[in-house]
């Protein structure tokens, strides 16, 4: 075997090792990206606010309603809630620290409901976390991409557009 053949054989072996290393580096990179994506999803799930509402009694017509709010998730920097009890719709804003103990809040009547409800129910519950992401808590904590546009559509559907405003959630109203 001549020295030229040895150099060619070493070059071939080097190329094979380089290809082997590239294949495993690519696999490792894909695995790490999947792990990062999974870790981000787990982090998001633990930092997402999860408000839980409990109705305290049933108010008389035209009087405020009292609710107990507990945050089971991350910090709720801003939120909006609209509930219906009997003939009235009630609205208010929320802010709760992370995993807050139950706290009583009072919601003022916004307007008469278009349909009577036998049981108090939550019509809208939206929360904003510390990163600025918004979540529709009534619809399985789905993310809300454009809170201003989404909230306008929800208020229009509930016939409350122009009646209530949630500047803490969407920012100040545009003039």
Protein backbone atom coordinates (compact mmCIF):
# COMPACT_ATOMS: atom_id res chain seq x y z
CA UNK A 1 0.00 0.00 0.00
CA UNK A 2 1.47 3.32 -1.06
CA UNK A 3 1.32 6.57 0.85
CA UNK A 4 -1.18 7.98 -1.71
CA UNK A 5 -3.56 5.08 -1.06
CA UNK A 6 -3.21 5.59 2.70
CA UNK A 7 -4.10 9.29 2.33
CA UNK A 8 -7.16 8.43 0.18
CA UNK A 9 -8.27 5.77 2.70
CA UNK A 10 -7.88 8.24 5.59
CA UNK A 11 -9.83 10.86 3.63
CA UNK A 12 -12.67 8.38 3.01
CA UNK A 13 -12.75 7.39 6.69
CA UNK A 14 -12.75 11.08 7.70
CA UNK A 15 -15.65 11.81 5.33
CA UNK A 16 -17.62 8.85 6.72
CA UNK A 17 -17.06 10.04 10.31
CA UNK A 18 -18.10 13.57 9.31
CA UNK A 19 -21.32 12.28 7.73
CA UNK A 20 -22.03 10.12 10.77
CA UNK A 21 -21.49 13.13 13.06
CA UNK A 22 -23.73 15.33 10.89
CA UNK A 23 -26.58 12.80 10.97
CA UNK A 24 -26.46 12.48 14.75
CA UNK A 25 -26.07 16.24 15.23
CA UNK A 26 -29.19 16.81 13.14
CA UNK A 27 -31.14 14.23 15.14
CA UNK A 28 -29.96 15.80 18.40
CA UNK A 29 -30.96 19.27 17.19
CA UNK A 30 -34.46 18.08 16.28
CA UNK A 31 -34.84 16.33 19.63
CA UNK A 32 -33.73 19.43 21.53
CA UNK A 33 -36.17 21.63 19.56
CA UNK A 34 -39.01 19.24 20.43
CA UNK A 35 -37.96 19.29 24.09
CA UNK A 36 -37.86 23.09 24.12
CA UNK A 37 -41.29 23.29 22.49
CA UNK A 38 -42.68 20.86 25.07
CA UNK A 39 -41.07 22.79 27.94
CA UNK A 40 -42.54 26.04 26.59
CA UNK A 41 -46.00 24.46 26.47
CA UNK A 42 -45.64 23.20 30.04
CA UNK A 43 -44.39 26.63 31.20
CA UNK A 44 -47.28 28.36 29.46
CA UNK A 45 -49.75 25.97 31.08
CA UNK A 46 -48.38 26.75 34.55
CA UNK A 47 -48.23 30.54 34.05
CA UNK A 48 -51.65 30.88 32.42
CA UNK A 49 -54.27 32.46 34.70
CA UNK A 50 -57.18 30.17 35.51
CA UNK A 51 -59.89 32.15 37.32
CA UNK A 52 -62.66 30.16 38.98
CA UNK A 53 -65.97 31.88 39.77
CA UNK A 54 -68.43 30.89 42.47
CA UNK A 55 -71.78 32.69 42.70
CA UNK A 56 -72.77 33.81 46.19
CA UNK A 57 -76.54 33.94 46.37
CA UNK A 58 -78.86 35.54 43.84
CA UNK A 59 -79.27 39.32 43.85
CA UNK A 60 -82.49 41.26 43.77
CA UNK A 61 -83.30 42.95 40.46
CA UNK A 62 -81.08 45.97 39.84
CA UNK A 63 -78.74 45.23 42.77
CA UNK A 64 -75.07 44.19 42.55
CA UNK A 65 -74.14 40.51 42.50
CA UNK A 66 -71.44 39.04 44.71
CA UNK A 67 -68.97 36.49 43.35
CA UNK A 68 -66.07 34.61 44.84
CA UNK A 69 -63.08 34.54 42.47
CA UNK A 70 -60.13 32.19 42.88
CA UNK A 71 -57.11 32.14 40.57
CA UNK A 72 -55.82 28.59 40.12
CA UNK A 73 -53.02 29.53 37.67
CA UNK A 74 -50.52 32.29 36.95
CA UNK A 75 -50.87 36.01 37.59
CA UNK A 76 -53.97 37.60 36.08
CA UNK A 77 -52.81 41.12 35.23
CA UNK A 78 -56.13 42.11 33.64
CA UNK A 79 -59.39 40.38 33.04
CA UNK A 80 -63.03 40.93 32.21
CA UNK A 81 -66.10 39.11 33.41
CA UNK A 82 -69.74 39.32 32.35
CA UNK A 83 -72.31 37.21 34.15
CA UNK A 84 -76.05 36.83 33.88
CA UNK A 85 -78.29 36.26 36.85
CA UNK A 86 -82.04 36.24 36.42
CA UNK A 87 -82.99 39.32 34.34
CA UNK A 88 -79.75 41.28 34.67
CA UNK A 89 -76.28 41.28 33.12
CA UNK A 90 -73.36 42.20 35.39
CA UNK A 91 -69.87 43.24 34.27
CA UNK A 92 -66.53 44.04 35.87
CA UNK A 93 -62.76 43.85 35.57
CA UNK A 94 -60.42 41.49 37.44
CA UNK A 95 -56.81 41.43 38.55
CA UNK A 96 -55.53 38.57 40.69
CA UNK A 97 -52.10 37.44 41.84
CA UNK A 98 -50.79 33.99 40.99
CA UNK A 99 -52.72 31.15 42.67
CA UNK A 100 -54.74 33.66 44.69
CA UNK A 101 -56.99 32.47 47.48
CA UNK A 102 -60.73 32.99 46.95
CA UNK A 103 -61.68 36.66 47.05
CA UNK A 104 -65.13 38.20 47.00
CA UNK A 105 -65.93 40.82 44.38
CA UNK A 106 -69.08 42.77 43.63
CA UNK A 107 -70.24 43.27 40.04
CA UNK A 108 -72.58 46.13 39.20
CA UNK A 109 -75.55 45.64 36.86
CA UNK A 110 -74.73 46.61 33.28
CA UNK A 111 -78.19 46.26 31.73
CA UNK A 112 -81.28 44.09 31.56
CA UNK A 113 -80.81 40.70 29.92
CA UNK A 114 -82.60 39.92 26.66
CA UNK A 115 -83.58 36.51 28.06
CA UNK A 116 -84.21 35.33 31.63
CA UNK A 117 -81.77 32.83 33.15
CA UNK A 118 -82.88 30.53 35.94
CA UNK A 119 -79.33 29.93 37.17
CA UNK A 120 -76.50 32.48 37.33
CA UNK A 121 -73.99 31.85 34.54
CA UNK A 122 -70.79 33.30 33.20
CA UNK A 123 -71.15 34.68 29.66
CA UNK A 124 -67.64 36.07 29.25
CA UNK A 125 -64.44 35.52 31.21
CA UNK A 126 -61.18 36.60 29.62
CA UNK A 127 -57.78 36.89 31.29
CA UNK A 128 -54.43 38.49 30.39
CA UNK A 129 -51.23 37.03 31.84
CA UNK A 130 -47.94 38.76 32.67
CA UNK A 131 -46.56 38.11 29.17
CA UNK A 132 -49.50 39.98 27.60
CA UNK A 133 -51.27 36.92 26.18
CA UNK A 134 -55.03 36.77 26.54
CA UNK A 135 -57.11 33.66 27.20
CA UNK A 136 -60.82 32.94 26.74
CA UNK A 137 -61.54 31.16 30.03
CA UNK A 138 -65.14 30.28 29.16
CA UNK A 139 -64.11 28.42 26.01
CA UNK A 140 -61.49 26.08 27.47
CA UNK A 141 -58.70 28.65 27.99
CA UNK A 142 -58.23 29.16 24.26
CA UNK A 143 -55.68 31.84 23.34
CA UNK A 144 -57.04 35.16 22.05
CA UNK A 145 -54.82 36.57 19.30
CA UNK A 146 -56.22 40.12 19.07
CA UNK A 147 -57.95 40.98 22.38
CA UNK A 148 -59.44 44.29 21.18
CA UNK A 149 -61.02 42.74 18.07
CA UNK A 150 -62.10 39.58 19.92
CA UNK A 151 -63.68 41.54 22.79
CA UNK A 152 -65.52 43.84 20.37
CA UNK A 153 -67.01 40.79 18.64
CA UNK A 154 -67.98 39.20 21.98
CA UNK A 155 -69.63 42.40 23.25
CA UNK A 156 -71.48 42.79 19.95
CA UNK A 157 -72.75 39.20 20.23
CA UNK A 158 -73.88 39.84 23.82
CA UNK A 159 -75.47 43.17 22.74
CA UNK A 160 -73.24 45.04 25.19
CA UNK A 161 -71.14 47.04 22.70
CA UNK A 162 -70.96 50.61 23.98
CA UNK A 163 -72.47 49.61 27.34
CA UNK A 164 -69.35 48.17 29.00
CA UNK A 165 -65.66 48.76 28.42
CA UNK A 166 -62.62 46.93 29.75
CA UNK A 167 -59.65 49.30 29.29
CA UNK A 168 -57.42 47.22 31.55
CA UNK A 169 -57.69 44.36 29.08
CA UNK A 170 -57.69 46.17 25.74
CA UNK A 171 -56.01 49.47 26.62
CA UNK A 172 -57.62 52.89 26.65
CA UNK A 173 -60.50 53.53 24.27
CA UNK A 174 -59.60 55.17 20.94
CA UNK A 175 -61.04 58.63 20.36
